[in-house]
Amino acid sequence: AQMCVGHLKLLPHDQVAMPYQWEYPYLLSILPSLLGLL
């Protein structure tokens, strides 16, 4: 949600900052959770 709000400029950047670089690869962290559930 923070990434979407930051990139789509839904709120000003002084309210919701642009994401840090580490957040982009962290998005892949959903894959291990799905494998665990499977």
All heavy atoms as atom14 arrays in JSON, in Angstrom:
{
  "sequence": "AQMCVGHLKLLPHDQVAMPYQWEYPYLLSILPSLLGLL",
  "atom14_mask": [
    [1, 1, 1, 1, 1, 0, 0, 0, 0, 0, 0, 0, 0, 0],
    [1, 1, 1, 1, 1, 1, 1, 1, 1, 0, 0, 0, 0, 0],
    [1, 1, 1, 1, 1, 1, 1, 1, 0, 0, 0, 0, 0, 0],
    [1, 1, 1, 1, 1, 1, 0, 0, 0, 0, 0, 0, 0, 0],
    [1, 1, 1, 1, 1, 1, 1, 0, 0, 0, 0, 0, 0, 0],
    [1, 1, 1, 1, 0, 0, 0, 0, 0, 0, 0, 0, 0, 0],
    [1, 1, 1, 1, 1, 1, 1, 1, 1, 1, 0, 0, 0, 0],
    [1, 1, 1, 1, 1, 1, 1, 1, 0, 0, 0, 0, 0, 0],
    [1, 1, 1, 1, 1, 1, 1, 1, 1, 0, 0, 0, 0, 0],
    [1, 1, 1, 1, 1, 1, 1, 1, 0, 0, 0, 0, 0, 0],
    [1, 1, 1, 1, 1, 1, 1, 1, 0, 0, 0, 0, 0, 0],
    [1, 1, 1, 1, 1, 1, 1, 0, 0, 0, 0, 0, 0, 0],
    [1, 1, 1, 1, 1, 1, 1, 1, 1, 1, 0, 0, 0, 0],
    [1, 1, 1, 1, 1, 1, 1, 1, 0, 0, 0, 0, 0, 0],
    [1, 1, 1, 1, 1, 1, 1, 1, 1, 0, 0, 0, 0, 0],
    [1, 1, 1, 1, 1, 1, 1, 0, 0, 0, 0, 0, 0, 0],
    [1, 1, 1, 1, 1, 0, 0, 0, 0, 0, 0, 0, 0, 0],
    [1, 1, 1, 1, 1, 1, 1, 1, 0, 0, 0, 0, 0, 0],
    [1, 1, 1, 1, 1, 1, 1, 0, 0, 0, 0, 0, 0, 0],
    [1, 1, 1, 1, 1, 1, 1, 1, 1, 1, 1, 1, 0, 0],
    [1, 1, 1, 1, 1, 1, 1, 1, 1, 0, 0, 0, 0, 0],
    [1, 1, 1, 1, 1, 1, 1, 1, 1, 1, 1, 1, 1, 1],
    [1, 1, 1, 1, 1, 1, 1, 1, 1, 0, 0, 0, 0, 0],
    [1, 1, 1, 1, 1, 1, 1, 1, 1, 1, 1, 1, 0, 0],
    [1, 1, 1, 1, 1, 1, 1, 0, 0, 0, 0, 0, 0, 0],
    [1, 1, 1, 1, 1, 1, 1, 1, 1, 1, 1, 1, 0, 0],
    [1, 1, 1, 1, 1, 1, 1, 1, 0, 0, 0, 0, 0, 0],
    [1, 1, 1, 1, 1, 1, 1, 1, 0, 0, 0, 0, 0, 0],
    [1, 1, 1, 1, 1, 1, 0, 0, 0, 0, 0, 0, 0, 0],
    [1, 1, 1, 1, 1, 1, 1, 1, 0, 0, 0, 0, 0, 0],
    [1, 1, 1, 1, 1, 1, 1, 1, 0, 0, 0, 0, 0, 0],
    [1, 1, 1, 1, 1, 1, 1, 0, 0, 0, 0, 0, 0, 0],
    [1, 1, 1, 1, 1, 1, 0, 0, 0, 0, 0, 0, 0, 0],
    [1, 1, 1, 1, 1, 1, 1, 1, 0, 0, 0, 0, 0, 0],
    [1, 1, 1, 1, 1, 1, 1, 1, 0, 0, 0, 0, 0, 0],
    [1, 1, 1, 1, 0, 0, 0, 0, 0, 0, 0, 0, 0, 0],
    [1, 1, 1, 1, 1, 1, 1, 1, 0, 0, 0, 0, 0, 0],
    [1, 1, 1, 1, 1, 1, 1, 1, 0, 0, 0, 0, 0, 0]
  ],
  "atom14_positions": [
    [[0.83, -1.2, 0.0], [0.0, 0.0, 0.0], [0.87, 1.26, 0.0], [0.58, 2.22, -0.73], [-0.93, 0.0, 1.21], [0.0, 0.0, 0.0], [0.0, 0.0, 0.0], [0.0, 0.0, 0.0], [0.0, 0.0, 0.0], [0.0, 0.0, 0.0], [0.0, 0.0, 0.0], [0.0, 0.0, 0.0], [0.0, 0.0, 0.0], [0.0, 0.0, 0.0]],
    [[1.94, 1.24, 0.8], [2.85, 2.39, 0.82], [3.47, 2.61, -0.55], [3.58, 3.74, -1.02], [3.95, 2.21, 1.87], [4.88, 3.4, 1.94], [6.31, 3.05, 2.23], [6.66, 1.89, 2.39], [7.15, 4.06, 2.3], [0.0, 0.0, 0.0], [0.0, 0.0, 0.0], [0.0, 0.0, 0.0], [0.0, 0.0, 0.0], [0.0, 0.0, 0.0]],
    [[3.85, 1.54, -1.21], [4.44, 1.66, -2.54], [3.44, 2.21, -3.55], [3.78, 3.08, -4.34], [4.97, 0.31, -3.02], [6.18, -0.14, -2.3], [6.74, -1.67, -3.01], [8.37, -1.73, -2.36], [0.0, 0.0, 0.0], [0.0, 0.0, 0.0], [0.0, 0.0, 0.0], [0.0, 0.0, 0.0], [0.0, 0.0, 0.0], [0.0, 0.0, 0.0]],
    [[2.22, 1.7, -3.51], [1.2, 2.18, -4.44], [0.9, 3.66, -4.2], [0.83, 4.44, -5.16], [-0.08, 1.36, -4.29], [0.08, -0.32, -4.91], [0.0, 0.0, 0.0], [0.0, 0.0, 0.0], [0.0, 0.0, 0.0], [0.0, 0.0, 0.0], [0.0, 0.0, 0.0], [0.0, 0.0, 0.0], [0.0, 0.0, 0.0], [0.0, 0.0, 0.0]],
    [[0.73, 4.03, -2.95], [0.44, 5.43, -2.62], [1.6, 6.32, -3.03], [1.4, 7.41, -3.59], [0.13, 5.58, -1.12], [0.11, 7.04, -0.69], [-1.21, 4.93, -0.79], [0.0, 0.0, 0.0], [0.0, 0.0, 0.0], [0.0, 0.0, 0.0], [0.0, 0.0, 0.0], [0.0, 0.0, 0.0], [0.0, 0.0, 0.0], [0.0, 0.0, 0.0]],
    [[2.83, 5.86, -2.8], [4.01, 6.65, -3.15], [4.18, 6.83, -4.64], [4.45, 7.93, -5.12], [0.0, 0.0, 0.0], [0.0, 0.0, 0.0], [0.0, 0.0, 0.0], [0.0, 0.0, 0.0], [0.0, 0.0, 0.0], [0.0, 0.0, 0.0], [0.0, 0.0, 0.0], [0.0, 0.0, 0.0], [0.0, 0.0, 0.0], [0.0, 0.0, 0.0]],
    [[4.03, 5.75, -5.38], [4.27, 5.81, -6.82], [3.11, 6.41, -7.6], [3.32, 7.07, -8.61], [4.6, 4.42, -7.37], [5.99, 3.99, -7.05], [7.1, 4.59, -7.6], [6.46, 3.04, -6.21], [8.19, 4.01, -7.12], [7.83, 3.08, -6.27], [0.0, 0.0, 0.0], [0.0, 0.0, 0.0], [0.0, 0.0, 0.0], [0.0, 0.0, 0.0]],
    [[1.89, 6.19, -7.14], [0.73, 6.73, -7.84], [0.4, 8.15, -7.38], [-0.56, 8.75, -7.86], [-0.47, 5.81, -7.67], [-0.32, 4.39, -8.22], [-1.54, 3.55, -7.89], [-0.07, 4.44, -9.73], [0.0, 0.0, 0.0], [0.0, 0.0, 0.0], [0.0, 0.0, 0.0], [0.0, 0.0, 0.0], [0.0, 0.0, 0.0], [0.0, 0.0, 0.0]],
    [[1.16, 8.63, -6.4], [1.0, 9.99, -5.86], [-0.44, 10.24, -5.39], [-1.02, 11.29, -5.64], [1.43, 11.02, -6.89], [2.89, 10.9, -7.25], [3.3, 11.89, -8.31], [4.77, 11.65, -8.58], [5.18, 11.8, -9.92], [0.0, 0.0, 0.0], [0.0, 0.0, 0.0], [0.0, 0.0, 0.0], [0.0, 0.0, 0.0], [0.0, 0.0, 0.0]],
    [[-0.99, 9.24, -4.69], [-2.33, 9.37, -4.15], [-2.37, 10.34, -2.97], [-3.39, 10.95, -2.7], [-2.87, 8.0, -3.72], [-2.96, 6.96, -4.85], [-3.39, 5.61, -4.29], [-3.93, 7.41, -5.93], [0.0, 0.0, 0.0], [0.0, 0.0, 0.0], [0.0, 0.0, 0.0], [0.0, 0.0, 0.0], [0.0, 0.0, 0.0], [0.0, 0.0, 0.0]],
    [[-1.26, 10.42, -2.25], [-1.08, 11.38, -1.16], [0.24, 12.1, -1.4], [1.15, 11.55, -2.03], [-1.03, 10.66, 0.19], [-2.33, 10.0, 0.67], [-2.08, 9.18, 1.91], [-3.4, 11.04, 0.94], [0.0, 0.0, 0.0], [0.0, 0.0, 0.0], [0.0, 0.0, 0.0], [0.0, 0.0, 0.0], [0.0, 0.0, 0.0], [0.0, 0.0, 0.0]],
    [[0.37, 13.32, -0.89], [1.65, 14.03, -1.07], [2.8, 13.29, -0.39], [2.6, 12.59, 0.6], [1.4, 15.39, -0.42], [0.03, 15.4, 0.11], [-0.62, 14.1, -0.18], [0.0, 0.0, 0.0], [0.0, 0.0, 0.0], [0.0, 0.0, 0.0], [0.0, 0.0, 0.0], [0.0, 0.0, 0.0], [0.0, 0.0, 0.0], [0.0, 0.0, 0.0]],
    [[4.0, 13.47, -0.93], [5.17, 12.77, -0.39], [5.53, 13.2, 1.02], [6.25, 12.5, 1.71], [6.37, 12.93, -1.32], [6.24, 12.15, -2.59], [6.11, 10.79, -2.62], [6.19, 12.55, -3.89], [5.99, 10.38, -3.86], [6.03, 11.43, -4.66], [0.0, 0.0, 0.0], [0.0, 0.0, 0.0], [0.0, 0.0, 0.0], [0.0, 0.0, 0.0]],
    [[5.03, 14.36, 1.47], [5.31, 14.73, 2.85], [4.4, 13.97, 3.82], [4.65, 13.94, 5.01], [5.19, 16.25, 3.07], [3.81, 16.79, 2.72], [3.04, 16.09, 2.04], [3.52, 17.94, 3.12], [0.0, 0.0, 0.0], [0.0, 0.0, 0.0], [0.0, 0.0, 0.0], [0.0, 0.0, 0.0], [0.0, 0.0, 0.0], [0.0, 0.0, 0.0]],
    [[3.36, 13.29, 3.3], [2.52, 12.44, 4.14], [2.95, 10.98, 4.07], [3.0, 10.3, 5.08], [1.05, 12.55, 3.72], [0.34, 13.7, 4.37], [-1.16, 13.54, 4.23], [-1.66, 13.18, 3.16], [-1.86, 13.81, 5.3], [0.0, 0.0, 0.0], [0.0, 0.0, 0.0], [0.0, 0.0, 0.0], [0.0, 0.0, 0.0], [0.0, 0.0, 0.0]],
    [[3.22, 10.51, 2.87], [3.67, 9.12, 2.69], [4.9, 9.15, 1.79], [4.82, 9.47, 0.61], [2.58, 8.22, 2.07], [3.12, 6.82, 1.82], [1.36, 8.17, 2.96], [0.0, 0.0, 0.0], [0.0, 0.0, 0.0], [0.0, 0.0, 0.0], [0.0, 0.0, 0.0], [0.0, 0.0, 0.0], [0.0, 0.0, 0.0], [0.0, 0.0, 0.0]],
    [[6.03, 8.81, 2.37], [7.31, 8.86, 1.65], [7.39, 7.79, 0.59], [6.73, 6.75, 0.67], [8.46, 8.69, 2.64], [0.0, 0.0, 0.0], [0.0, 0.0, 0.0], [0.0, 0.0, 0.0], [0.0, 0.0, 0.0], [0.0, 0.0, 0.0], [0.0, 0.0, 0.0], [0.0, 0.0, 0.0], [0.0, 0.0, 0.0], [0.0, 0.0, 0.0]],
    [[8.24, 8.03, -0.39], [8.54, 7.01, -1.39], [9.23, 5.83, -0.69], [9.92, 6.02, 0.31], [9.48, 7.58, -2.47], [8.78, 8.54, -3.41], [7.5, 7.77, -4.39], [8.47, 6.77, -5.49], [0.0, 0.0, 0.0], [0.0, 0.0, 0.0], [0.0, 0.0, 0.0], [0.0, 0.0, 0.0], [0.0, 0.0, 0.0], [0.0, 0.0, 0.0]],
    [[9.05, 4.63, -1.2], [9.65, 3.46, -0.55], [11.18, 3.46, -0.62], [11.77, 4.03, -1.54], [9.09, 2.28, -1.32], [8.28, 2.82, -2.42], [8.24, 4.29, -2.34], [0.0, 0.0, 0.0], [0.0, 0.0, 0.0], [0.0, 0.0, 0.0], [0.0, 0.0, 0.0], [0.0, 0.0, 0.0], [0.0, 0.0, 0.0], [0.0, 0.0, 0.0]],
    [[11.78, 2.82, 0.36], [13.23, 2.59, 0.34], [13.52, 1.47, -0.66], [12.63, 0.68, -1.0], [13.73, 2.18, 1.73], [13.71, 3.31, 2.73], [12.7, 3.42, 3.67], [14.72, 4.28, 2.72], [12.68, 4.45, 4.59], [14.71, 5.32, 3.64], [13.69, 5.4, 4.56], [13.68, 6.43, 5.46], [0.0, 0.0, 0.0], [0.0, 0.0, 0.0]],
    [[14.75, 1.35, -1.1], [15.12, 0.35, -2.11], [14.9, -1.08, -1.65], [14.57, -1.95, -2.45], [16.59, 0.55, -2.53], [16.83, 1.83, -3.31], [16.04, 1.86, -4.6], [16.05, 0.92, -5.37], [15.33, 2.95, -4.83], [0.0, 0.0, 0.0], [0.0, 0.0, 0.0], [0.0, 0.0, 0.0], [0.0, 0.0, 0.0], [0.0, 0.0, 0.0]],
    [[15.08, -1.36, -0.37], [14.94, -2.73, 0.12], [13.49, -3.23, 0.04], [13.26, -4.44, 0.04], [15.45, -2.86, 1.54], [14.62, -2.16, 2.57], [14.78, -0.88, 3.03], [13.49, -2.68, 3.28], [13.83, -0.58, 3.97], [13.03, -1.67, 4.15], [12.82, -3.89, 3.26], [11.94, -1.84, 4.98], [11.73, -4.07, 4.11], [11.3, -3.05, 4.96]],
    [[12.54, -2.32, -0.04], [11.14, -2.74, -0.04], [10.75, -3.45, -1.34], [9.85, -4.27, -1.35], [10.24, -1.53, 0.19], [10.41, -0.94, 1.58], [9.56, 0.28, 1.8], [8.31, 0.15, 1.74], [10.12, 1.37, 2.03], [0.0, 0.0, 0.0], [0.0, 0.0, 0.0], [0.0, 0.0, 0.0], [0.0, 0.0, 0.0], [0.0, 0.0, 0.0]],
    [[11.42, -3.12, -2.44], [11.09, -3.74, -3.73], [11.4, -5.24, -3.73], [10.52, -6.04, -4.06], [11.79, -3.02, -4.87], [11.36, -1.57, -4.98], [12.19, -0.55, -4.54], [10.12, -1.23, -5.51], [11.8, 0.78, -4.62], [9.71, 0.09, -5.6], [10.55, 1.09, -5.15], [10.16, 2.4, -5.22], [0.0, 0.0, 0.0], [0.0, 0.0, 0.0]],
    [[12.61, -5.68, -3.36], [12.82, -7.14, -3.32], [12.0, -7.82, -2.21], [11.67, -8.99, -2.33], [14.33, -7.29, -3.07], [14.83, -5.98, -2.65], [13.86, -4.95, -3.13], [0.0, 0.0, 0.0], [0.0, 0.0, 0.0], [0.0, 0.0, 0.0], [0.0, 0.0, 0.0], [0.0, 0.0, 0.0], [0.0, 0.0, 0.0], [0.0, 0.0, 0.0]],
    [[11.66, -7.07, -1.17], [10.84, -7.67, -0.11], [9.45, -8.06, -0.61], [8.82, -8.95, -0.05], [10.73, -6.73, 1.1], [10.08, -7.38, 2.28], [10.8, -8.26, 3.08], [8.74, -7.17, 2.58], [10.21, -8.9, 4.16], [8.14, -7.8, 3.66], [8.87, -8.65, 4.45], [8.28, -9.29, 5.5], [0.0, 0.0, 0.0], [0.0, 0.0, 0.0]],
    [[9.01, -7.43, -1.69], [7.71, -7.82, -2.25], [7.7, -9.29, -2.67], [6.65, -9.93, -2.68], [7.35, -6.94, -3.45], [6.9, -5.52, -3.12], [6.57, -4.77, -4.4], [5.71, -5.51, -2.18], [0.0, 0.0, 0.0], [0.0, 0.0, 0.0], [0.0, 0.0, 0.0], [0.0, 0.0, 0.0], [0.0, 0.0, 0.0], [0.0, 0.0, 0.0]],
    [[8.86, -9.83, -3.02], [8.95, -11.25, -3.38], [8.75, -12.17, -2.18], [8.6, -13.37, -2.34], [10.3, -11.54, -4.04], [10.55, -10.86, -5.39], [11.98, -11.11, -5.84], [9.56, -11.36, -6.42], [0.0, 0.0, 0.0], [0.0, 0.0, 0.0], [0.0, 0.0, 0.0], [0.0, 0.0, 0.0], [0.0, 0.0, 0.0], [0.0, 0.0, 0.0]],
    [[8.74, -11.61, -0.98], [8.61, -12.43, 0.22], [7.24, -13.1, 0.33], [7.05, -13.95, 1.19], [8.88, -11.59, 1.47], [7.84, -10.66, 1.68], [0.0, 0.0, 0.0], [0.0, 0.0, 0.0], [0.0, 0.0, 0.0], [0.0, 0.0, 0.0], [0.0, 0.0, 0.0], [0.0, 0.0, 0.0], [0.0, 0.0, 0.0], [0.0, 0.0, 0.0]],
    [[6.32, -12.74, -0.53], [5.02, -13.4, -0.51], [5.13, -14.83, -1.05], [4.37, -15.72, -0.65], [3.97, -12.57, -1.29], [2.56, -12.97, -0.89], [4.15, -12.69, -2.77], [2.15, -12.56, 0.48], [0.0, 0.0, 0.0], [0.0, 0.0, 0.0], [0.0, 0.0, 0.0], [0.0, 0.0, 0.0], [0.0, 0.0, 0.0], [0.0, 0.0, 0.0]],
    [[6.12, -15.07, -1.91], [6.3, -16.41, -2.5], [6.59, -17.5, -1.45], [5.96, -18.56, -1.5], [7.4, -16.38, -3.56], [7.12, -15.47, -4.76], [8.34, -15.42, -5.69], [5.89, -15.92, -5.51], [0.0, 0.0, 0.0], [0.0, 0.0, 0.0], [0.0, 0.0, 0.0], [0.0, 0.0, 0.0], [0.0, 0.0, 0.0], [0.0, 0.0, 0.0]],
    [[7.52, -17.28, -0.51], [7.74, -18.32, 0.51], [6.49, -18.62, 1.34], [6.25, -19.76, 1.71], [8.85, -17.74, 1.39], [9.48, -16.67, 0.62], [8.48, -16.19, -0.38], [0.0, 0.0, 0.0], [0.0, 0.0, 0.0], [0.0, 0.0, 0.0], [0.0, 0.0, 0.0], [0.0, 0.0, 0.0], [0.0, 0.0, 0.0], [0.0, 0.0, 0.0]],
    [[5.71, -17.58, 1.6], [4.49, -17.79, 2.38], [3.5, -18.67, 1.6], [2.87, -19.56, 2.16], [3.85, -16.46, 2.73], [4.68, -15.75, 3.61], [0.0, 0.0, 0.0], [0.0, 0.0, 0.0], [0.0, 0.0, 0.0], [0.0, 0.0, 0.0], [0.0, 0.0, 0.0], [0.0, 0.0, 0.0], [0.0, 0.0, 0.0], [0.0, 0.0, 0.0]],
    [[3.39, -18.4, 0.31], [2.49, -19.22, -0.51], [2.98, -20.66, -0.58], [2.17, -21.6, -0.5], [2.37, -18.63, -1.91], [1.7, -17.26, -2.0], [1.74, -16.73, -3.43], [0.27, -17.33, -1.49], [0.0, 0.0, 0.0], [0.0, 0.0, 0.0], [0.0, 0.0, 0.0], [0.0, 0.0, 0.0], [0.0, 0.0, 0.0], [0.0, 0.0, 0.0]],
    [[4.28, -20.85, -0.72], [4.83, -22.21, -0.73], [4.57, -22.92, 0.59], [4.28, -24.11, 0.63], [6.33, -22.18, -1.03], [6.73, -21.9, -2.47], [8.24, -21.67, -2.57], [6.3, -23.04, -3.37], [0.0, 0.0, 0.0], [0.0, 0.0, 0.0], [0.0, 0.0, 0.0], [0.0, 0.0, 0.0], [0.0, 0.0, 0.0], [0.0, 0.0, 0.0]],
    [[4.69, -22.17, 1.68], [4.42, -22.75, 3.0], [2.97, -23.21, 3.11], [2.69, -24.31, 3.59], [0.0, 0.0, 0.0], [0.0, 0.0, 0.0], [0.0, 0.0, 0.0], [0.0, 0.0, 0.0], [0.0, 0.0, 0.0], [0.0, 0.0, 0.0], [0.0, 0.0, 0.0], [0.0, 0.0, 0.0], [0.0, 0.0, 0.0], [0.0, 0.0, 0.0]],
    [[2.06, -22.37, 2.64], [0.65, -22.75, 2.68], [0.35, -23.95, 1.77], [-0.47, -24.81, 2.11], [-0.24, -21.57, 2.29], [-0.34, -20.45, 3.31], [-1.13, -19.27, 2.74], [-0.97, -20.93, 4.61], [0.0, 0.0, 0.0], [0.0, 0.0, 0.0], [0.0, 0.0, 0.0], [0.0, 0.0, 0.0], [0.0, 0.0, 0.0], [0.0, 0.0, 0.0]],
    [[1.03, -24.02, 0.62], [0.84, -25.14, -0.3], [1.37, -26.45, 0.27], [0.92, -27.54, -0.12], [1.52, -24.86, -1.63], [0.86, -23.82, -2.53], [1.74, -23.54, -3.75], [-0.52, -24.3, -2.97], [0.0, 0.0, 0.0], [0.0, 0.0, 0.0], [0.0, 0.0, 0.0], [0.0, 0.0, 0.0], [0.0, 0.0, 0.0], [0.0, 0.0, 0.0]]
  ]
}
